[in-house]
Amino acid sequence: METITQIHTFDVNLNWDNKTANGIASSGVRTPMIFGPPPEFGGTAVTWSPEHLLATSVASCYMTTLIYFSKLLKVNILNFSISCKVEFTKKEIGFEASRFTLNPIIRLQHDPGQSVCDNLLAKAKKYCFISNSIKGEVVVNPTIVND
């Protein structure tokens, strides 16, 4: 039997504006986004930096993966917020994202039981493809609140 490989591609376009010293990212009909280096590397604190976007990618992937599995497991989420802190470690050549700390706060309509919650959290971490694509350690410190 032949293995079928699924390939998904996602395209972005970046343009640099010398006048503002910022870049503009676009993709299809999505809202363009202004980016630039963070203050630590000569930029400003008002634009999205690649470092912040990396943290956003990890956190948003975890969030959307958890929401996907909550629907499959019939766990009703009333509210979900998440913060992510990424630590960069100086290496021999440059810096590397070494640790991502995710702090999800999930408010559920009712308590589905500890095993269901544990299963949901484990699936979100295991199947988040962004987390699986990076070198750095991903640590999840969840808070689950039941109404």
N, C-alpha and C. Protein backbone atom coordinates (compact mmCIF):
# COMPACT_ATOMS: atom_id res chain seq x y z
N MET A 1 0.84 -1.18 0.00
CA MET A 1 0.00 0.00 0.00
C MET A 1 0.89 1.25 0.00
N GLU A 2 0.55 2.18 -0.81
CA GLU A 2 1.33 3.40 -0.96
C GLU A 2 0.96 4.41 0.13
N THR A 3 1.97 5.05 0.71
CA THR A 3 1.73 6.09 1.70
C THR A 3 1.44 7.40 1.00
N ILE A 4 0.37 8.04 1.41
CA ILE A 4 -0.01 9.32 0.82
C ILE A 4 0.52 10.43 1.74
N THR A 5 1.28 11.32 1.18
CA THR A 5 1.83 12.44 1.94
C THR A 5 1.01 13.68 1.66
N GLN A 6 0.54 14.30 2.73
CA GLN A 6 -0.17 15.56 2.59
C GLN A 6 0.82 16.70 2.75
N ILE A 7 0.74 17.65 1.87
CA ILE A 7 1.60 18.82 1.96
C ILE A 7 0.71 20.05 1.93
N HIS A 8 0.91 20.91 2.92
CA HIS A 8 0.20 22.19 2.97
C HIS A 8 1.24 23.29 2.85
N THR A 9 0.98 24.27 2.05
CA THR A 9 1.91 25.39 1.92
C THR A 9 1.22 26.68 2.35
N PHE A 10 2.01 27.56 2.94
CA PHE A 10 1.52 28.85 3.40
C PHE A 10 2.51 29.89 2.93
N ASP A 11 2.04 30.85 2.15
CA ASP A 11 2.92 31.86 1.57
C ASP A 11 2.74 33.20 2.25
N VAL A 12 3.85 33.88 2.46
CA VAL A 12 3.84 35.25 2.96
C VAL A 12 4.76 36.08 2.09
N ASN A 13 4.50 37.37 2.05
CA ASN A 13 5.34 38.30 1.31
C ASN A 13 5.78 39.39 2.28
N LEU A 14 7.07 39.72 2.25
CA LEU A 14 7.61 40.75 3.13
C LEU A 14 8.27 41.83 2.29
N ASN A 15 8.04 43.07 2.70
CA ASN A 15 8.68 44.22 2.05
C ASN A 15 9.23 45.13 3.13
N TRP A 16 10.43 45.66 2.92
CA TRP A 16 11.08 46.55 3.88
C TRP A 16 10.91 47.99 3.43
N ASP A 17 10.54 48.86 4.38
CA ASP A 17 10.38 50.28 4.11
C ASP A 17 11.54 51.01 4.77
N ASN A 18 12.46 51.54 3.98
CA ASN A 18 13.64 52.23 4.52
C ASN A 18 13.28 53.49 5.29
N LYS A 19 12.21 54.19 4.88
CA LYS A 19 11.82 55.42 5.57
C LYS A 19 11.40 55.17 7.02
N THR A 20 10.62 54.11 7.26
CA THR A 20 10.13 53.82 8.60
C THR A 20 11.02 52.81 9.33
N ALA A 21 11.93 52.18 8.61
CA ALA A 21 12.79 51.11 9.16
C ALA A 21 11.94 49.98 9.73
N ASN A 22 10.85 49.65 9.01
CA ASN A 22 9.96 48.55 9.37
C ASN A 22 9.66 47.73 8.13
N GLY A 23 9.24 46.52 8.37
CA GLY A 23 8.78 45.67 7.28
C GLY A 23 7.27 45.56 7.31
N ILE A 24 6.73 45.13 6.18
CA ILE A 24 5.30 44.88 6.09
C ILE A 24 5.14 43.45 5.57
N ALA A 25 4.40 42.66 6.35
CA ALA A 25 4.12 41.27 5.97
C ALA A 25 2.70 41.19 5.45
N SER A 26 2.53 40.45 4.36
CA SER A 26 1.19 40.26 3.81
C SER A 26 1.05 38.83 3.30
N SER A 27 -0.21 38.42 3.21
CA SER A 27 -0.53 37.09 2.69
C SER A 27 -1.97 37.10 2.23
N GLY A 28 -2.15 37.07 0.93
CA GLY A 28 -3.50 37.05 0.39
C GLY A 28 -4.31 38.26 0.82
N VAL A 29 -5.53 38.02 1.29
CA VAL A 29 -6.42 39.10 1.69
C VAL A 29 -6.33 39.42 3.19
N ARG A 30 -5.39 38.78 3.88
CA ARG A 30 -5.23 39.04 5.32
C ARG A 30 -4.76 40.48 5.56
N THR A 31 -5.06 40.99 6.75
CA THR A 31 -4.62 42.32 7.14
C THR A 31 -3.09 42.35 7.19
N PRO A 32 -2.45 43.29 6.50
CA PRO A 32 -0.99 43.39 6.56
C PRO A 32 -0.52 43.66 7.99
N MET A 33 0.69 43.27 8.28
CA MET A 33 1.24 43.43 9.62
C MET A 33 2.60 44.11 9.52
N ILE A 34 2.81 45.09 10.38
CA ILE A 34 4.10 45.78 10.43
C ILE A 34 5.01 45.06 11.41
N PHE A 35 6.25 44.86 11.02
CA PHE A 35 7.21 44.18 11.88
C PHE A 35 8.56 44.88 11.81
N GLY A 36 9.38 44.57 12.76
CA GLY A 36 10.73 45.12 12.80
C GLY A 36 11.50 44.48 13.95
N PRO A 37 12.75 44.83 14.08
CA PRO A 37 13.53 44.25 15.17
C PRO A 37 13.06 44.81 16.52
N PRO A 38 13.24 44.03 17.60
CA PRO A 38 12.88 44.54 18.92
C PRO A 38 13.93 45.55 19.39
N PRO A 39 13.64 46.28 20.47
CA PRO A 39 14.61 47.26 20.98
C PRO A 39 15.98 46.65 21.30
N GLU A 40 15.97 45.40 21.72
CA GLU A 40 17.24 44.73 22.06
C GLU A 40 18.18 44.63 20.85
N PHE A 41 17.61 44.70 19.66
CA PHE A 41 18.40 44.58 18.44
C PHE A 41 18.25 45.80 17.53
N GLY A 42 18.05 46.97 18.16
CA GLY A 42 18.05 48.21 17.41
C GLY A 42 16.71 48.67 16.89
N GLY A 43 15.63 48.00 17.24
CA GLY A 43 14.31 48.40 16.76
C GLY A 43 13.54 49.16 17.82
N THR A 44 12.23 49.18 17.64
CA THR A 44 11.37 49.88 18.59
C THR A 44 10.42 48.89 19.25
N ALA A 45 9.72 49.35 20.27
CA ALA A 45 8.77 48.50 20.98
C ALA A 45 7.36 48.59 20.42
N VAL A 46 7.17 49.29 19.29
CA VAL A 46 5.82 49.49 18.78
C VAL A 46 5.43 48.53 17.65
N THR A 47 6.38 47.80 17.10
CA THR A 47 6.06 46.87 16.02
C THR A 47 6.27 45.43 16.50
N TRP A 48 5.65 44.52 15.80
CA TRP A 48 5.85 43.10 16.08
C TRP A 48 7.26 42.72 15.64
N SER A 49 7.97 42.02 16.51
CA SER A 49 9.32 41.54 16.17
C SER A 49 9.24 40.07 15.79
N PRO A 50 10.24 39.56 15.08
CA PRO A 50 10.26 38.13 14.79
C PRO A 50 10.20 37.28 16.06
N GLU A 51 10.82 37.78 17.14
CA GLU A 51 10.82 37.05 18.40
C GLU A 51 9.40 36.96 18.98
N HIS A 52 8.67 38.09 18.93
CA HIS A 52 7.28 38.07 19.40
C HIS A 52 6.40 37.21 18.49
N LEU A 53 6.65 37.27 17.21
CA LEU A 53 5.86 36.46 16.28
C LEU A 53 6.12 34.96 16.47
N LEU A 54 7.33 34.59 16.83
CA LEU A 54 7.63 33.18 17.11
C LEU A 54 6.84 32.73 18.34
N ALA A 55 6.85 33.54 19.41
CA ALA A 55 6.07 33.21 20.60
C ALA A 55 4.58 33.14 20.27
N THR A 56 4.11 34.07 19.44
CA THR A 56 2.70 34.08 19.02
C THR A 56 2.36 32.82 18.24
N SER A 57 3.27 32.38 17.37
CA SER A 57 3.03 31.17 16.59
C SER A 57 2.88 29.95 17.48
N VAL A 58 3.76 29.82 18.46
CA VAL A 58 3.69 28.66 19.36
C VAL A 58 2.40 28.72 20.17
N ALA A 59 2.08 29.88 20.76
CA ALA A 59 0.89 30.00 21.60
C ALA A 59 -0.40 29.83 20.80
N SER A 60 -0.47 30.44 19.62
CA SER A 60 -1.71 30.34 18.83
C SER A 60 -1.90 28.93 18.29
N CYS A 61 -0.83 28.24 17.96
CA CYS A 61 -0.95 26.86 17.50
C CYS A 61 -1.44 25.96 18.63
N TYR A 62 -0.87 26.14 19.83
CA TYR A 62 -1.33 25.37 20.98
C TYR A 62 -2.81 25.64 21.22
N MET A 63 -3.20 26.92 21.19
CA MET A 63 -4.58 27.29 21.45
C MET A 63 -5.53 26.68 20.42
N THR A 64 -5.24 26.82 19.15
CA THR A 64 -6.15 26.29 18.12
C THR A 64 -6.17 24.76 18.12
N THR A 65 -5.05 24.15 18.46
CA THR A 65 -5.02 22.68 18.56
C THR A 65 -5.88 22.21 19.73
N LEU A 66 -5.77 22.89 20.87
CA LEU A 66 -6.59 22.52 22.02
C LEU A 66 -8.07 22.72 21.72
N ILE A 67 -8.41 23.81 21.07
CA ILE A 67 -9.81 24.05 20.71
C ILE A 67 -10.33 22.96 19.77
N TYR A 68 -9.50 22.56 18.82
CA TYR A 68 -9.89 21.48 17.90
C TYR A 68 -10.22 20.20 18.68
N PHE A 69 -9.33 19.81 19.60
CA PHE A 69 -9.56 18.58 20.35
C PHE A 69 -10.69 18.74 21.37
N SER A 70 -10.93 19.95 21.87
CA SER A 70 -12.05 20.14 22.80
C SER A 70 -13.38 19.85 22.10
N LYS A 71 -13.47 20.19 20.83
CA LYS A 71 -14.69 19.91 20.07
C LYS A 71 -14.86 18.41 19.86
N LEU A 72 -13.75 17.72 19.55
CA LEU A 72 -13.82 16.26 19.37
C LEU A 72 -14.19 15.55 20.67
N LEU A 73 -13.66 16.04 21.79
CA LEU A 73 -13.92 15.42 23.09
C LEU A 73 -15.19 15.97 23.75
N LYS A 74 -15.88 16.88 23.06
CA LYS A 74 -17.11 17.49 23.56
C LYS A 74 -16.91 18.18 24.92
N VAL A 75 -15.83 18.95 25.00
CA VAL A 75 -15.54 19.76 26.18
C VAL A 75 -15.88 21.20 25.81
N ASN A 76 -16.84 21.79 26.50
CA ASN A 76 -17.31 23.13 26.16
C ASN A 76 -16.44 24.19 26.86
N ILE A 77 -15.67 24.91 26.06
CA ILE A 77 -14.81 25.97 26.57
C ILE A 77 -15.59 27.29 26.54
N LEU A 78 -15.69 27.94 27.70
CA LEU A 78 -16.37 29.23 27.78
C LEU A 78 -15.42 30.38 27.50
N ASN A 79 -14.18 30.23 27.94
CA ASN A 79 -13.18 31.28 27.75
C ASN A 79 -11.81 30.64 27.75
N PHE A 80 -10.91 31.18 26.91
CA PHE A 80 -9.57 30.62 26.79
C PHE A 80 -8.62 31.77 26.52
N SER A 81 -7.64 31.94 27.38
CA SER A 81 -6.58 32.91 27.13
C SER A 81 -5.26 32.21 27.36
N ILE A 82 -4.22 32.73 26.75
CA ILE A 82 -2.91 32.10 26.90
C ILE A 82 -1.84 33.18 26.79
N SER A 83 -0.81 33.02 27.57
CA SER A 83 0.37 33.87 27.43
C SER A 83 1.55 32.95 27.13
N CYS A 84 2.55 33.52 26.48
CA CYS A 84 3.74 32.76 26.14
C CYS A 84 4.97 33.62 26.37
N LYS A 85 5.94 33.06 27.01
CA LYS A 85 7.22 33.73 27.20
C LYS A 85 8.28 32.87 26.54
N VAL A 86 9.06 33.47 25.64
CA VAL A 86 10.12 32.74 24.99
C VAL A 86 11.46 33.27 25.49
N GLU A 87 12.35 32.37 25.81
CA GLU A 87 13.69 32.73 26.27
C GLU A 87 14.68 32.43 25.16
N PHE A 88 15.53 33.40 24.87
CA PHE A 88 16.58 33.23 23.87
C PHE A 88 17.91 33.11 24.59
N THR A 89 18.68 32.11 24.23
CA THR A 89 19.98 31.85 24.84
C THR A 89 21.08 32.16 23.84
N LYS A 90 22.10 32.87 24.30
CA LYS A 90 23.26 33.18 23.44
C LYS A 90 24.01 31.89 23.15
N LYS A 91 24.23 31.63 21.90
CA LYS A 91 24.98 30.46 21.46
C LYS A 91 26.30 30.94 20.87
N GLU A 92 27.09 30.00 20.39
CA GLU A 92 28.38 30.36 19.80
C GLU A 92 28.19 31.36 18.66
N ILE A 93 27.16 31.10 17.86
CA ILE A 93 26.84 32.02 16.77
C ILE A 93 25.39 32.47 16.96
N GLY A 94 25.19 33.68 17.45
CA GLY A 94 23.85 34.23 17.59
C GLY A 94 23.06 33.69 18.77
N PHE A 95 21.74 33.87 18.70
CA PHE A 95 20.83 33.45 19.75
C PHE A 95 19.93 32.33 19.25
N GLU A 96 19.40 31.56 20.19
CA GLU A 96 18.48 30.47 19.86
C GLU A 96 17.33 30.48 20.85
N ALA A 97 16.11 30.27 20.36
CA ALA A 97 14.95 30.15 21.24
C ALA A 97 15.07 28.83 21.98
N SER A 98 15.35 28.91 23.27
CA SER A 98 15.66 27.70 24.03
C SER A 98 14.48 27.19 24.86
N ARG A 99 13.55 28.06 25.21
CA ARG A 99 12.43 27.62 26.07
C ARG A 99 11.21 28.50 25.83
N PHE A 100 10.07 27.86 25.68
CA PHE A 100 8.78 28.53 25.53
C PHE A 100 7.93 28.11 26.72
N THR A 101 7.45 29.07 27.47
CA THR A 101 6.57 28.77 28.61
C THR A 101 5.18 29.27 28.27
N LEU A 102 4.25 28.33 28.15
CA LEU A 102 2.86 28.63 27.84
C LEU A 102 2.04 28.58 29.13
N ASN A 103 1.21 29.59 29.34
CA ASN A 103 0.33 29.66 30.50
C ASN A 103 -1.11 29.81 30.05
N PRO A 104 -1.74 28.68 29.67
CA PRO A 104 -3.14 28.76 29.26
C PRO A 104 -4.07 28.81 30.47
N ILE A 105 -5.11 29.64 30.36
CA ILE A 105 -6.18 29.68 31.35
C ILE A 105 -7.46 29.32 30.60
N ILE A 106 -8.04 28.19 30.98
CA ILE A 106 -9.18 27.64 30.25
C ILE A 106 -10.37 27.55 31.21
N ARG A 107 -11.45 28.23 30.86
CA ARG A 107 -12.67 28.18 31.67
C ARG A 107 -13.67 27.28 30.97
N LEU A 108 -14.08 26.22 31.65
CA LEU A 108 -14.99 25.23 31.08
C LEU A 108 -16.39 25.41 31.63
N GLN A 109 -17.38 25.01 30.82
CA GLN A 109 -18.77 25.13 31.24
C GLN A 109 -19.06 24.20 32.41
N HIS A 110 -18.49 23.01 32.38
CA HIS A 110 -18.66 22.06 33.48
C HIS A 110 -17.41 21.19 33.56
N ASP A 111 -17.22 20.54 34.68
CA ASP A 111 -16.05 19.70 34.91
C ASP A 111 -16.20 18.38 34.17
N PRO A 112 -15.39 18.13 33.13
CA PRO A 112 -15.50 16.87 32.41
C PRO A 112 -14.73 15.72 33.09
N GLY A 113 -14.03 16.05 34.17
CA GLY A 113 -13.23 15.04 34.87
C GLY A 113 -11.75 15.24 34.57
N GLN A 114 -10.93 14.86 35.53
CA GLN A 114 -9.48 15.07 35.42
C GLN A 114 -8.87 14.33 34.23
N SER A 115 -9.32 13.10 33.97
CA SER A 115 -8.73 12.33 32.87
C SER A 115 -9.02 12.98 31.51
N VAL A 116 -10.21 13.54 31.34
CA VAL A 116 -10.56 14.23 30.08
C VAL A 116 -9.70 15.48 29.94
N CYS A 117 -9.56 16.25 31.02
CA CYS A 117 -8.73 17.47 30.98
C CYS A 117 -7.28 17.12 30.67
N ASP A 118 -6.76 16.09 31.33
CA ASP A 118 -5.38 15.67 31.08
C ASP A 118 -5.20 15.23 29.63
N ASN A 119 -6.17 14.49 29.11
CA ASN A 119 -6.12 14.03 27.73
C ASN A 119 -6.14 15.21 26.76
N LEU A 120 -6.99 16.18 27.03
CA LEU A 120 -7.10 17.37 26.18
C LEU A 120 -5.78 18.14 26.16
N LEU A 121 -5.20 18.38 27.33
CA LEU A 121 -3.93 19.11 27.42
C LEU A 121 -2.80 18.35 26.73
N ALA A 122 -2.77 17.03 26.91
CA ALA A 122 -1.72 16.21 26.29
C ALA A 122 -1.83 16.23 24.77
N LYS A 123 -3.05 16.13 24.25
CA LYS A 123 -3.24 16.15 22.80
C LYS A 123 -2.84 17.50 22.21
N ALA A 124 -3.19 18.59 22.89
CA ALA A 124 -2.83 19.91 22.39
C ALA A 124 -1.31 20.05 22.29
N LYS A 125 -0.59 19.57 23.28
CA LYS A 125 0.86 19.67 23.25
C LYS A 125 1.46 18.74 22.20
N LYS A 126 0.95 17.52 22.13
CA LYS A 126 1.50 16.52 21.21
C LYS A 126 1.29 16.89 19.74
N TYR A 127 0.12 17.46 19.42
CA TYR A 127 -0.23 17.68 18.02
C TYR A 127 -0.05 19.12 17.54
N CYS A 128 0.47 20.00 18.37
CA CYS A 128 0.75 21.37 17.92
C CYS A 128 1.95 21.31 16.97
N PHE A 129 1.71 21.50 15.70
CA PHE A 129 2.77 21.31 14.71
C PHE A 129 3.85 22.38 14.78
N ILE A 130 3.53 23.57 15.28
CA ILE A 130 4.57 24.59 15.44
C ILE A 130 5.53 24.17 16.54
N SER A 131 5.00 23.73 17.68
CA SER A 131 5.87 23.24 18.77
C SER A 131 6.74 22.08 18.30
N ASN A 132 6.17 21.24 17.45
CA ASN A 132 6.92 20.09 16.94
C ASN A 132 7.97 20.50 15.91
N SER A 133 7.93 21.74 15.45
CA SER A 133 8.85 22.21 14.42
C SER A 133 10.00 23.04 14.97
N ILE A 134 10.03 23.28 16.25
CA ILE A 134 11.07 24.11 16.84
C ILE A 134 11.99 23.27 17.71
N LYS A 135 13.20 23.81 17.98
CA LYS A 135 14.16 23.11 18.83
C LYS A 135 13.90 23.31 20.31
N GLY A 136 13.45 24.50 20.68
CA GLY A 136 13.33 24.86 22.09
C GLY A 136 12.32 24.01 22.85
N GLU A 137 12.55 23.88 24.16
CA GLU A 137 11.64 23.16 25.04
C GLU A 137 10.33 23.93 25.17
N VAL A 138 9.22 23.22 25.18
CA VAL A 138 7.91 23.85 25.38
C VAL A 138 7.34 23.34 26.71
N VAL A 139 7.11 24.27 27.62
CA VAL A 139 6.58 23.96 28.94
C VAL A 139 5.18 24.55 29.03
N VAL A 140 4.22 23.74 29.48
CA VAL A 140 2.83 24.20 29.59
C VAL A 140 2.42 24.18 31.06
N ASN A 141 1.98 25.33 31.57
CA ASN A 141 1.49 25.47 32.94
C ASN A 141 0.02 25.87 32.89
N PRO A 142 -0.88 24.87 32.74
CA PRO A 142 -2.29 25.20 32.55
C PRO A 142 -3.01 25.53 33.86
N THR A 143 -4.03 26.36 33.71
CA THR A 143 -4.98 26.62 34.77
C THR A 143 -6.36 26.33 34.18
N ILE A 144 -7.08 25.39 34.81
CA ILE A 144 -8.42 25.06 34.33
C ILE A 144 -9.42 25.43 35.41
N VAL A 145 -10.42 26.19 34.99
CA VAL A 145 -11.47 26.66 35.90
C VAL A 145 -12.79 26.08 35.39
N ASN A 146 -13.54 25.47 36.30
CA ASN A 146 -14.84 24.92 35.95
C ASN A 146 -15.94 25.79 36.52
N ASP A 147 -16.93 26.12 35.68
CA ASP A 147 -18.09 26.90 36.16
C ASP A 147 -19.12 25.99 36.77
